[in-house]
N, C-alpha and C. Protein backbone atom coordinates (compact mmCIF):
# COMPACT_ATOMS: atom_id res chain seq x y z
N MET A 1 -13.12 67.55 51.16
CA MET A 1 -13.26 66.60 50.10
C MET A 1 -12.99 65.19 50.60
N LYS A 2 -11.97 65.07 51.48
CA LYS A 2 -11.67 63.76 52.04
C LYS A 2 -12.84 63.26 52.88
N ASN A 3 -13.47 64.19 53.59
CA ASN A 3 -14.64 63.80 54.40
C ASN A 3 -15.75 63.25 53.53
N GLU A 4 -15.95 63.88 52.39
CA GLU A 4 -17.01 63.41 51.48
C GLU A 4 -16.68 62.04 50.95
N ASN A 5 -15.42 61.81 50.54
CA ASN A 5 -15.02 60.50 50.02
C ASN A 5 -15.11 59.45 51.12
N ALA A 6 -14.72 59.80 52.33
CA ALA A 6 -14.80 58.85 53.44
C ALA A 6 -16.26 58.52 53.75
N GLN A 7 -17.06 59.54 53.66
CA GLN A 7 -18.50 59.35 53.91
C GLN A 7 -19.07 58.42 52.85
N GLU A 8 -18.74 58.64 51.58
CA GLU A 8 -19.25 57.81 50.49
C GLU A 8 -18.73 56.39 50.63
N GLY A 9 -17.48 56.23 51.03
CA GLY A 9 -16.93 54.90 51.21
C GLY A 9 -17.64 54.16 52.33
N GLY A 10 -17.96 54.86 53.42
CA GLY A 10 -18.69 54.24 54.54
C GLY A 10 -20.10 53.84 54.15
N ASP A 11 -20.72 54.72 53.37
CA ASP A 11 -22.07 54.41 52.91
C ASP A 11 -22.06 53.20 51.99
N LEU A 12 -21.06 53.13 51.11
CA LEU A 12 -20.93 52.02 50.17
C LEU A 12 -20.68 50.72 50.93
N LEU A 13 -19.84 50.77 51.93
CA LEU A 13 -19.54 49.59 52.74
C LEU A 13 -20.79 49.11 53.48
N GLN A 14 -21.56 50.06 53.99
CA GLN A 14 -22.81 49.69 54.70
C GLN A 14 -23.80 49.08 53.71
N LEU A 15 -23.89 49.62 52.50
CA LEU A 15 -24.78 49.09 51.47
C LEU A 15 -24.36 47.68 51.10
N MET A 16 -23.08 47.43 50.95
CA MET A 16 -22.57 46.10 50.59
C MET A 16 -22.90 45.10 51.71
N THR A 17 -22.79 45.54 52.94
CA THR A 17 -23.10 44.66 54.06
C THR A 17 -24.59 44.29 54.04
N GLU A 18 -25.42 45.25 53.76
CA GLU A 18 -26.88 44.99 53.68
C GLU A 18 -27.19 44.04 52.55
N LEU A 19 -26.51 44.21 51.40
CA LEU A 19 -26.78 43.35 50.23
C LEU A 19 -26.33 41.92 50.47
N GLU A 20 -25.45 41.69 51.38
CA GLU A 20 -24.98 40.33 51.66
C GLU A 20 -25.98 39.55 52.52
N ARG A 21 -26.93 40.21 53.14
CA ARG A 21 -27.91 39.51 53.98
C ARG A 21 -28.87 38.72 53.10
N PRO A 22 -29.21 37.46 53.45
CA PRO A 22 -30.05 36.60 52.59
C PRO A 22 -31.48 37.14 52.42
N GLU A 23 -32.06 37.70 53.49
CA GLU A 23 -33.44 38.21 53.35
C GLU A 23 -33.52 39.41 52.42
N VAL A 24 -32.44 40.23 52.40
CA VAL A 24 -32.40 41.37 51.48
C VAL A 24 -32.25 40.86 50.06
N GLN A 25 -31.43 39.85 49.86
CA GLN A 25 -31.25 39.28 48.52
C GLN A 25 -32.56 38.66 48.02
N GLN A 26 -33.31 37.98 48.89
CA GLN A 26 -34.60 37.40 48.49
C GLN A 26 -35.60 38.50 48.12
N SER A 27 -35.60 39.56 48.90
CA SER A 27 -36.51 40.67 48.61
C SER A 27 -36.18 41.30 47.27
N LEU A 28 -34.90 41.52 47.01
CA LEU A 28 -34.49 42.11 45.74
C LEU A 28 -34.84 41.20 44.57
N THR A 29 -34.64 39.90 44.73
CA THR A 29 -34.97 38.95 43.67
C THR A 29 -36.47 38.98 43.40
N SER A 30 -37.26 38.99 44.46
CA SER A 30 -38.72 39.04 44.30
C SER A 30 -39.15 40.33 43.62
N LEU A 31 -38.53 41.43 44.01
CA LEU A 31 -38.84 42.73 43.40
C LEU A 31 -38.49 42.74 41.93
N LEU A 32 -37.35 42.19 41.59
CA LEU A 32 -36.94 42.13 40.18
C LEU A 32 -37.89 41.26 39.37
N ASN A 33 -38.36 40.17 39.94
CA ASN A 33 -39.31 39.30 39.24
C ASN A 33 -40.65 39.98 39.00
N LYS A 34 -41.02 40.88 39.91
CA LYS A 34 -42.32 41.54 39.80
C LYS A 34 -42.26 42.85 39.01
N LEU A 35 -41.10 43.27 38.59
CA LEU A 35 -40.98 44.53 37.85
C LEU A 35 -41.83 44.56 36.58
N PRO A 36 -41.93 43.48 35.77
CA PRO A 36 -42.82 43.54 34.59
C PRO A 36 -44.28 43.80 34.96
N GLU A 37 -44.75 43.20 36.06
CA GLU A 37 -46.13 43.44 36.49
C GLU A 37 -46.31 44.89 36.92
N PHE A 38 -45.33 45.42 37.65
CA PHE A 38 -45.39 46.82 38.07
C PHE A 38 -45.43 47.74 36.86
N GLU A 39 -44.63 47.41 35.85
CA GLU A 39 -44.57 48.23 34.65
C GLU A 39 -45.93 48.24 33.94
N LYS A 40 -46.56 47.05 33.84
CA LYS A 40 -47.89 46.97 33.20
C LYS A 40 -48.92 47.79 33.99
N SER A 41 -48.86 47.70 35.32
CA SER A 41 -49.80 48.46 36.15
C SER A 41 -49.60 49.96 35.97
N ILE A 42 -48.35 50.38 35.93
CA ILE A 42 -48.05 51.81 35.75
C ILE A 42 -48.50 52.27 34.37
N ASP A 43 -48.29 51.41 33.34
CA ASP A 43 -48.75 51.75 31.99
C ASP A 43 -50.27 51.88 31.95
N SER A 44 -50.99 50.95 32.62
CA SER A 44 -52.45 51.03 32.58
C SER A 44 -52.95 52.26 33.33
N ILE A 45 -52.27 52.64 34.41
CA ILE A 45 -52.64 53.88 35.11
C ILE A 45 -52.40 55.08 34.21
N GLY A 46 -51.28 55.05 33.50
CA GLY A 46 -50.98 56.14 32.57
C GLY A 46 -52.02 56.23 31.47
N ASN A 47 -52.45 55.07 30.95
CA ASN A 47 -53.49 55.06 29.91
C ASN A 47 -54.81 55.62 30.45
N ALA A 48 -55.16 55.26 31.69
CA ALA A 48 -56.39 55.77 32.28
C ALA A 48 -56.32 57.28 32.46
N VAL A 49 -55.16 57.78 32.88
CA VAL A 49 -54.99 59.23 33.06
C VAL A 49 -55.10 59.93 31.71
N GLN A 50 -54.48 59.37 30.66
CA GLN A 50 -54.57 59.96 29.33
C GLN A 50 -56.00 59.96 28.82
N PHE A 51 -56.73 58.86 29.09
CA PHE A 51 -58.13 58.79 28.67
C PHE A 51 -58.95 59.87 29.38
N GLY A 52 -58.71 60.00 30.69
CA GLY A 52 -59.42 61.03 31.45
C GLY A 52 -59.14 62.42 30.93
N LYS A 53 -57.89 62.69 30.60
CA LYS A 53 -57.54 64.00 30.04
C LYS A 53 -58.24 64.22 28.71
N ALA A 54 -58.28 63.16 27.89
CA ALA A 54 -58.91 63.28 26.56
C ALA A 54 -60.40 63.55 26.71
N VAL A 55 -61.04 62.88 27.68
CA VAL A 55 -62.48 63.09 27.89
C VAL A 55 -62.75 64.51 28.34
N PHE A 56 -61.94 65.01 29.27
CA PHE A 56 -62.16 66.36 29.76
C PHE A 56 -61.83 67.41 28.71
N GLU A 57 -60.99 67.09 27.75
CA GLU A 57 -60.66 68.04 26.69
C GLU A 57 -61.67 67.95 25.54
N ASP A 58 -62.43 66.84 25.45
CA ASP A 58 -63.39 66.65 24.37
C ASP A 58 -64.68 67.39 24.71
N GLN A 59 -64.96 68.47 23.99
CA GLN A 59 -66.12 69.31 24.28
C GLN A 59 -67.44 68.59 24.00
N THR A 60 -67.50 67.74 22.98
CA THR A 60 -68.76 67.03 22.69
C THR A 60 -69.10 66.07 23.82
N ALA A 61 -68.09 65.40 24.38
CA ALA A 61 -68.34 64.48 25.51
C ALA A 61 -68.82 65.27 26.72
N ILE A 62 -68.22 66.42 26.97
CA ILE A 62 -68.62 67.25 28.10
C ILE A 62 -70.05 67.73 27.92
N GLN A 63 -70.42 68.11 26.69
CA GLN A 63 -71.79 68.56 26.44
C GLN A 63 -72.79 67.42 26.66
N LYS A 64 -72.42 66.19 26.24
CA LYS A 64 -73.33 65.06 26.45
C LYS A 64 -73.52 64.79 27.94
N TYR A 65 -72.44 64.85 28.71
CA TYR A 65 -72.57 64.65 30.16
C TYR A 65 -73.40 65.77 30.80
N ASP A 66 -73.22 67.01 30.33
CA ASP A 66 -74.03 68.12 30.85
C ASP A 66 -75.51 67.90 30.55
N GLN A 67 -75.80 67.46 29.31
CA GLN A 67 -77.19 67.20 28.95
C GLN A 67 -77.77 66.07 29.81
N LEU A 68 -76.98 65.03 30.01
CA LEU A 68 -77.44 63.91 30.82
C LEU A 68 -77.74 64.35 32.26
N LEU A 69 -76.83 65.13 32.83
CA LEU A 69 -77.04 65.60 34.20
C LEU A 69 -78.19 66.60 34.30
N SER A 70 -78.41 67.38 33.26
CA SER A 70 -79.49 68.38 33.31
C SER A 70 -80.87 67.72 33.22
N THR A 71 -80.95 66.48 32.71
CA THR A 71 -82.24 65.80 32.64
C THR A 71 -82.70 65.34 34.01
N TYR A 72 -81.77 65.19 34.96
CA TYR A 72 -82.14 64.80 36.31
C TYR A 72 -82.49 66.05 37.10
N ASN A 73 -83.52 65.92 37.91
CA ASN A 73 -83.99 67.04 38.72
C ASN A 73 -83.23 67.04 40.04
N LEU A 74 -81.98 67.47 39.98
CA LEU A 74 -81.16 67.51 41.19
C LEU A 74 -81.21 68.90 41.80
N ASN A 75 -82.12 69.05 42.74
CA ASN A 75 -82.19 70.31 43.47
C ASN A 75 -82.13 69.99 44.96
N ILE A 76 -82.27 70.97 45.79
CA ILE A 76 -82.14 70.78 47.23
C ILE A 76 -83.22 69.84 47.76
N GLU A 77 -84.43 69.88 47.19
CA GLU A 77 -85.51 68.99 47.64
C GLU A 77 -85.18 67.54 47.34
N THR A 78 -84.62 67.30 46.15
CA THR A 78 -84.26 65.94 45.77
C THR A 78 -83.14 65.42 46.66
N ILE A 79 -82.17 66.23 46.92
CA ILE A 79 -81.06 65.81 47.77
C ILE A 79 -81.54 65.57 49.20
N THR A 80 -82.43 66.42 49.69
CA THR A 80 -82.99 66.23 51.03
C THR A 80 -83.78 64.93 51.09
N ALA A 81 -84.55 64.65 50.05
CA ALA A 81 -85.32 63.40 50.02
C ALA A 81 -84.39 62.19 49.98
N MET A 82 -83.30 62.29 49.23
CA MET A 82 -82.35 61.18 49.17
C MET A 82 -81.70 60.95 50.53
N VAL A 83 -81.38 62.02 51.23
CA VAL A 83 -80.78 61.89 52.56
C VAL A 83 -81.79 61.26 53.52
N ALA A 84 -83.05 61.70 53.44
CA ALA A 84 -84.09 61.14 54.30
C ALA A 84 -84.28 59.65 54.00
N LEU A 85 -84.24 59.30 52.72
CA LEU A 85 -84.36 57.89 52.34
C LEU A 85 -83.18 57.08 52.86
N LEU A 86 -82.00 57.64 52.76
CA LEU A 86 -80.82 56.95 53.28
C LEU A 86 -80.91 56.74 54.78
N GLU A 87 -81.49 57.71 55.50
CA GLU A 87 -81.65 57.57 56.93
C GLU A 87 -82.63 56.46 57.28
N LYS A 88 -83.61 56.22 56.40
CA LYS A 88 -84.62 55.20 56.67
C LYS A 88 -84.21 53.82 56.17
N LEU A 89 -83.10 53.73 55.48
CA LEU A 89 -82.68 52.44 54.95
C LEU A 89 -82.50 51.36 56.02
N PRO A 90 -81.96 51.67 57.20
CA PRO A 90 -81.86 50.61 58.21
C PRO A 90 -83.22 50.02 58.60
N LYS A 91 -84.23 50.88 58.74
CA LYS A 91 -85.57 50.38 59.07
C LYS A 91 -86.12 49.55 57.92
N LEU A 92 -85.92 50.04 56.69
CA LEU A 92 -86.39 49.29 55.53
C LEU A 92 -85.69 47.95 55.43
N LEU A 93 -84.42 47.94 55.74
CA LEU A 93 -83.66 46.69 55.72
C LEU A 93 -84.22 45.70 56.72
N LYS A 94 -84.54 46.16 57.94
CA LYS A 94 -85.12 45.27 58.94
C LYS A 94 -86.46 44.72 58.47
N LEU A 95 -87.28 45.59 57.87
CA LEU A 95 -88.58 45.16 57.37
C LEU A 95 -88.42 44.12 56.26
N ILE A 96 -87.49 44.36 55.36
CA ILE A 96 -87.27 43.42 54.28
C ILE A 96 -86.75 42.09 54.82
N GLU A 97 -85.88 42.14 55.83
CA GLU A 97 -85.38 40.91 56.44
C GLU A 97 -86.52 40.13 57.09
N GLN A 98 -87.45 40.85 57.75
CA GLN A 98 -88.59 40.18 58.36
C GLN A 98 -89.47 39.55 57.28
N LEU A 99 -89.69 40.26 56.18
CA LEU A 99 -90.48 39.70 55.08
C LEU A 99 -89.80 38.46 54.50
N GLU A 100 -88.48 38.50 54.39
CA GLU A 100 -87.76 37.33 53.89
C GLU A 100 -87.95 36.14 54.82
N GLU A 101 -87.89 36.38 56.15
CA GLU A 101 -88.10 35.30 57.11
C GLU A 101 -89.51 34.73 56.98
N ILE A 102 -90.49 35.60 56.81
CA ILE A 102 -91.87 35.14 56.64
C ILE A 102 -91.99 34.31 55.37
N MET A 103 -91.39 34.79 54.29
CA MET A 103 -91.46 34.06 53.02
C MET A 103 -90.76 32.71 53.14
N GLU A 104 -89.64 32.65 53.83
CA GLU A 104 -88.94 31.38 54.03
C GLU A 104 -89.81 30.42 54.84
N PHE A 105 -90.48 30.96 55.88
CA PHE A 105 -91.36 30.12 56.69
C PHE A 105 -92.53 29.58 55.86
N VAL A 106 -93.17 30.48 55.09
CA VAL A 106 -94.30 30.05 54.27
C VAL A 106 -93.85 29.03 53.24
N THR A 107 -92.69 29.25 52.64
CA THR A 107 -92.17 28.30 51.66
C THR A 107 -91.91 26.95 52.31
N ALA A 108 -91.32 26.98 53.50
CA ALA A 108 -91.04 25.73 54.21
C ALA A 108 -92.33 25.00 54.55
N VAL A 109 -93.36 25.74 54.97
CA VAL A 109 -94.64 25.11 55.31
C VAL A 109 -95.29 24.52 54.07
N ILE A 110 -95.23 25.26 52.96
CA ILE A 110 -95.85 24.78 51.73
C ILE A 110 -95.15 23.53 51.21
N GLN A 111 -93.85 23.47 51.39
CA GLN A 111 -93.09 22.33 50.89
C GLN A 111 -93.22 21.11 51.80
N ASP A 112 -93.67 21.30 53.03
CA ASP A 112 -93.83 20.19 53.97
C ASP A 112 -95.25 19.65 53.85
N GLU A 113 -95.38 18.40 53.41
CA GLU A 113 -96.71 17.81 53.17
C GLU A 113 -97.52 17.68 54.45
N GLN A 114 -96.87 17.34 55.55
CA GLN A 114 -97.58 17.20 56.82
C GLN A 114 -98.19 18.53 57.26
N SER A 115 -97.42 19.61 57.11
CA SER A 115 -97.92 20.93 57.50
C SER A 115 -99.10 21.33 56.62
N VAL A 116 -99.00 21.07 55.32
CA VAL A 116 -100.08 21.42 54.40
C VAL A 116 -101.33 20.62 54.75
N ASP A 117 -101.17 19.31 55.02
CA ASP A 117 -102.32 18.48 55.38
C ASP A 117 -102.97 18.97 56.67
N TYR A 118 -102.14 19.31 57.67
CA TYR A 118 -102.66 19.81 58.94
C TYR A 118 -103.41 21.12 58.73
N LEU A 119 -102.82 22.02 57.95
CA LEU A 119 -103.45 23.31 57.68
C LEU A 119 -104.77 23.12 56.94
N MET A 120 -104.78 22.26 55.94
CA MET A 120 -106.01 22.05 55.17
C MET A 120 -107.11 21.42 56.03
N SER A 121 -106.74 20.49 56.93
CA SER A 121 -107.76 19.88 57.79
C SER A 121 -108.33 20.91 58.76
N ASN A 122 -107.48 21.82 59.27
CA ASN A 122 -107.99 22.86 60.17
C ASN A 122 -108.89 23.84 59.43
N VAL A 123 -108.51 24.22 58.23
CA VAL A 123 -109.35 25.13 57.43
C VAL A 123 -110.67 24.47 57.12
N LYS A 124 -110.62 23.19 56.77
CA LYS A 124 -111.85 22.48 56.46
C LYS A 124 -112.75 22.38 57.69
N GLU A 125 -112.14 22.15 58.85
CA GLU A 125 -112.89 22.04 60.09
C GLU A 125 -113.64 23.34 60.40
N TYR A 126 -112.99 24.48 60.16
CA TYR A 126 -113.64 25.77 60.42
C TYR A 126 -114.62 26.15 59.31
N ALA A 127 -114.35 25.74 58.10
CA ALA A 127 -115.19 26.15 56.97
C ALA A 127 -116.42 25.27 56.80
N ASP A 128 -116.37 24.02 57.24
CA ASP A 128 -117.50 23.11 57.03
C ASP A 128 -118.83 23.63 57.56
N PRO A 129 -118.89 24.20 58.78
CA PRO A 129 -120.20 24.71 59.24
C PRO A 129 -120.76 25.80 58.33
N PHE A 130 -119.90 26.67 57.84
CA PHE A 130 -120.37 27.74 56.95
C PHE A 130 -120.83 27.17 55.61
N VAL A 131 -120.12 26.18 55.12
CA VAL A 131 -120.50 25.56 53.85
C VAL A 131 -121.84 24.85 54.00
N ARG A 132 -122.02 24.14 55.13
CA ARG A 132 -123.30 23.44 55.35
C ARG A 132 -124.46 24.44 55.44
N LYS A 133 -124.25 25.54 56.18
CA LYS A 133 -125.32 26.55 56.28
C LYS A 133 -125.63 27.15 54.93
N GLY A 134 -124.60 27.39 54.13
CA GLY A 134 -124.82 27.93 52.79
C GLY A 134 -125.61 26.95 51.92
N LYS A 135 -125.26 25.67 52.00
CA LYS A 135 -125.99 24.65 51.23
C LYS A 135 -127.42 24.54 51.70
N ASP A 136 -127.62 24.58 53.04
CA ASP A 136 -128.99 24.51 53.59
C ASP A 136 -129.82 25.70 53.11
N GLY A 137 -129.22 26.88 53.12
CA GLY A 137 -129.94 28.07 52.65
C GLY A 137 -130.29 27.96 51.19
N LEU A 138 -129.38 27.43 50.39
CA LEU A 138 -129.62 27.28 48.96
C LEU A 138 -130.73 26.27 48.70
N THR A 139 -130.71 25.14 49.42
CA THR A 139 -131.78 24.15 49.22
C THR A 139 -133.12 24.69 49.67
N LEU A 140 -133.13 25.47 50.77
CA LEU A 140 -134.38 26.09 51.22
C LEU A 140 -134.92 27.03 50.15
N PHE A 141 -134.06 27.85 49.59
CA PHE A 141 -134.49 28.79 48.55
C PHE A 141 -135.02 28.05 47.34
N GLU A 142 -134.34 26.97 46.94
CA GLU A 142 -134.79 26.19 45.78
C GLU A 142 -136.14 25.53 46.04
N GLU A 143 -136.31 25.00 47.27
CA GLU A 143 -137.58 24.35 47.62
C GLU A 143 -138.73 25.35 47.61
N VAL A 144 -138.47 26.55 48.16
CA VAL A 144 -139.51 27.59 48.17
C VAL A 144 -139.84 27.99 46.75
N GLN A 145 -138.85 28.14 45.93
CA GLN A 145 -139.08 28.55 44.55
C GLN A 145 -139.86 27.47 43.79
N ASN A 146 -139.54 26.22 44.01
CA ASN A 146 -140.27 25.13 43.34
C ASN A 146 -141.73 25.10 43.78
N ARG A 147 -142.00 25.26 45.07
CA ARG A 147 -143.39 25.26 45.55
C ARG A 147 -144.17 26.42 44.97
N MET A 148 -143.52 27.57 44.89
CA MET A 148 -144.21 28.74 44.36
C MET A 148 -144.57 28.53 42.89
N GLU A 149 -143.68 27.92 42.15
CA GLU A 149 -143.94 27.71 40.72
C GLU A 149 -144.95 26.60 40.50
N CYS A 150 -144.92 25.57 41.34
CA CYS A 150 -145.83 24.43 41.17
C CYS A 150 -147.23 24.71 41.71
N ASN A 151 -147.35 25.58 42.69
CA ASN A 151 -148.61 25.81 43.37
C ASN A 151 -148.94 27.30 43.38
N PRO A 152 -149.18 27.89 42.20
CA PRO A 152 -149.50 29.33 42.20
C PRO A 152 -150.91 29.54 42.77
N GLN A 153 -151.04 30.41 43.71
CA GLN A 153 -152.34 30.71 44.31
C GLN A 153 -152.42 32.18 44.64
N ASN A 154 -153.60 32.66 44.67
CA ASN A 154 -153.82 34.05 45.04
C ASN A 154 -153.78 34.17 46.56
N VAL A 155 -153.15 35.20 47.05
CA VAL A 155 -153.08 35.44 48.48
C VAL A 155 -154.31 36.25 48.86
N LYS A 156 -155.02 35.75 49.89
CA LYS A 156 -156.24 36.41 50.34
C LYS A 156 -155.98 37.07 51.68
N LEU A 157 -156.87 37.96 52.06
CA LEU A 157 -156.74 38.70 53.30
C LEU A 157 -156.76 37.75 54.50
N PHE A 158 -157.58 36.74 54.46
CA PHE A 158 -157.64 35.79 55.58
C PHE A 158 -156.34 34.99 55.70
N SER A 159 -155.69 34.72 54.56
CA SER A 159 -154.40 34.01 54.58
C SER A 159 -153.36 34.87 55.27
N LEU A 160 -153.38 36.19 55.00
CA LEU A 160 -152.43 37.10 55.64
C LEU A 160 -152.63 37.15 57.14
N VAL A 161 -153.90 37.21 57.58
CA VAL A 161 -154.20 37.25 59.01
C VAL A 161 -153.74 35.96 59.67
N LYS A 162 -153.96 34.83 59.01
CA LYS A 162 -153.54 33.54 59.54
C LYS A 162 -152.00 33.50 59.65
N TRP A 163 -151.31 34.04 58.69
CA TRP A 163 -149.83 34.05 58.69
C TRP A 163 -149.29 34.91 59.83
N LEU A 164 -150.00 35.99 60.11
CA LEU A 164 -149.53 36.88 61.17
C LEU A 164 -149.49 36.20 62.52
N LYS A 165 -150.27 35.15 62.71
CA LYS A 165 -150.26 34.41 63.96
C LYS A 165 -149.06 33.47 64.05
N ASP A 166 -148.46 33.13 62.94
CA ASP A 166 -147.32 32.19 62.92
C ASP A 166 -146.11 32.82 63.61
N PRO A 167 -145.44 32.11 64.55
CA PRO A 167 -144.30 32.67 65.28
C PRO A 167 -143.13 33.05 64.36
N MET A 168 -142.90 32.33 63.31
CA MET A 168 -141.79 32.66 62.40
C MET A 168 -142.06 33.99 61.69
N VAL A 169 -143.31 34.21 61.29
CA VAL A 169 -143.68 35.47 60.64
C VAL A 169 -143.54 36.60 61.65
N GLN A 170 -143.97 36.39 62.88
CA GLN A 170 -143.85 37.40 63.93
C GLN A 170 -142.38 37.78 64.16
N LYS A 171 -141.54 36.76 64.22
CA LYS A 171 -140.11 37.01 64.43
C LYS A 171 -139.53 37.80 63.25
N GLY A 172 -139.89 37.43 62.04
CA GLY A 172 -139.41 38.16 60.85
C GLY A 172 -139.87 39.60 60.85
N LEU A 173 -141.13 39.83 61.24
CA LEU A 173 -141.67 41.18 61.30
C LEU A 173 -140.96 42.00 62.39
N CYS A 174 -140.58 41.35 63.50
CA CYS A 174 -139.82 42.05 64.55
C CYS A 174 -138.46 42.50 64.00
N TYR A 175 -137.82 41.65 63.23
CA TYR A 175 -136.54 42.04 62.61
C TYR A 175 -136.72 43.23 61.68
N VAL A 176 -137.78 43.19 60.88
CA VAL A 176 -138.05 44.29 59.95
C VAL A 176 -138.30 45.58 60.72
N GLN A 177 -139.09 45.50 61.79
CA GLN A 177 -139.40 46.68 62.58
C GLN A 177 -138.14 47.24 63.24
N ALA A 178 -137.31 46.38 63.83
CA ALA A 178 -136.07 46.83 64.47
C ALA A 178 -135.14 47.47 63.45
N THR A 179 -135.08 46.89 62.27
CA THR A 179 -134.23 47.45 61.21
C THR A 179 -134.71 48.83 60.82
N MET A 180 -136.00 49.00 60.70
CA MET A 180 -136.55 50.30 60.33
C MET A 180 -136.26 51.35 61.41
N GLU A 181 -136.36 50.98 62.68
CA GLU A 181 -136.09 51.91 63.76
C GLU A 181 -134.62 52.35 63.76
N VAL A 182 -133.72 51.37 63.58
CA VAL A 182 -132.28 51.70 63.56
C VAL A 182 -131.97 52.61 62.38
N LEU A 183 -132.53 52.32 61.21
CA LEU A 183 -132.30 53.15 60.03
C LEU A 183 -132.83 54.56 60.23
N ASN A 184 -133.98 54.69 60.86
CA ASN A 184 -134.54 56.02 61.13
C ASN A 184 -133.65 56.80 62.09
N GLU A 185 -133.16 56.13 63.16
CA GLU A 185 -132.27 56.81 64.11
C GLU A 185 -130.99 57.29 63.44
N ARG A 186 -130.41 56.47 62.62
CA ARG A 186 -129.19 56.85 61.93
C ARG A 186 -129.42 58.01 60.97
N THR A 187 -130.56 57.97 60.29
CA THR A 187 -130.88 59.06 59.37
C THR A 187 -131.04 60.37 60.13
N GLN A 188 -131.67 60.33 61.30
CA GLN A 188 -131.84 61.53 62.11
C GLN A 188 -130.51 62.04 62.63
N LYS A 189 -129.61 61.13 63.04
CA LYS A 189 -128.29 61.55 63.52
C LYS A 189 -127.48 62.20 62.39
N ASN A 190 -127.56 61.63 61.20
CA ASN A 190 -126.80 62.18 60.07
C ASN A 190 -127.36 63.52 59.61
N ASN A 191 -128.66 63.69 59.72
CA ASN A 191 -129.28 64.95 59.31
C ASN A 191 -129.17 66.02 60.40
N GLY A 192 -129.08 65.60 61.66
CA GLY A 192 -129.09 66.55 62.78
C GLY A 192 -127.75 66.97 63.17
């Protein structure tokens, strides 16, 4: 019994020595100041636990969750597909990052007036020859149509023979003949 009392007295003396240290006193003061916050946190954890218990005990809530989960097609194929999709996410992320960089570049170019002017002048430079050829073709067609309407005449056999001597007509007929030969060859290949 004396050993126990001596032991308790030694422990008490050691505790008193520890309590006299300034850093221990500061820690205890800080702990005491924070006790109301700790109590609120413990109460909120207790409330969450009680809510969880109430939900698990409420059969109507459990039935609603079961119905909600049963509407999803969660089978092994779906889970396998989700895993495969998760495995591909790094590649998809890289692709999306590249698309973002492209979009940022395009946005920067569009917002820069000098770049837009340079781009438009280059496009115009390449497009002008095609536009001119298109306009020339349209004017040629309109001129031919106007002559045909203004000067209707019957085509005679001698006119056809005279036209056949014209180099432009000869060249056009060569194109027609070559086209017919190519079409015939392709038809034979497809049928054979």
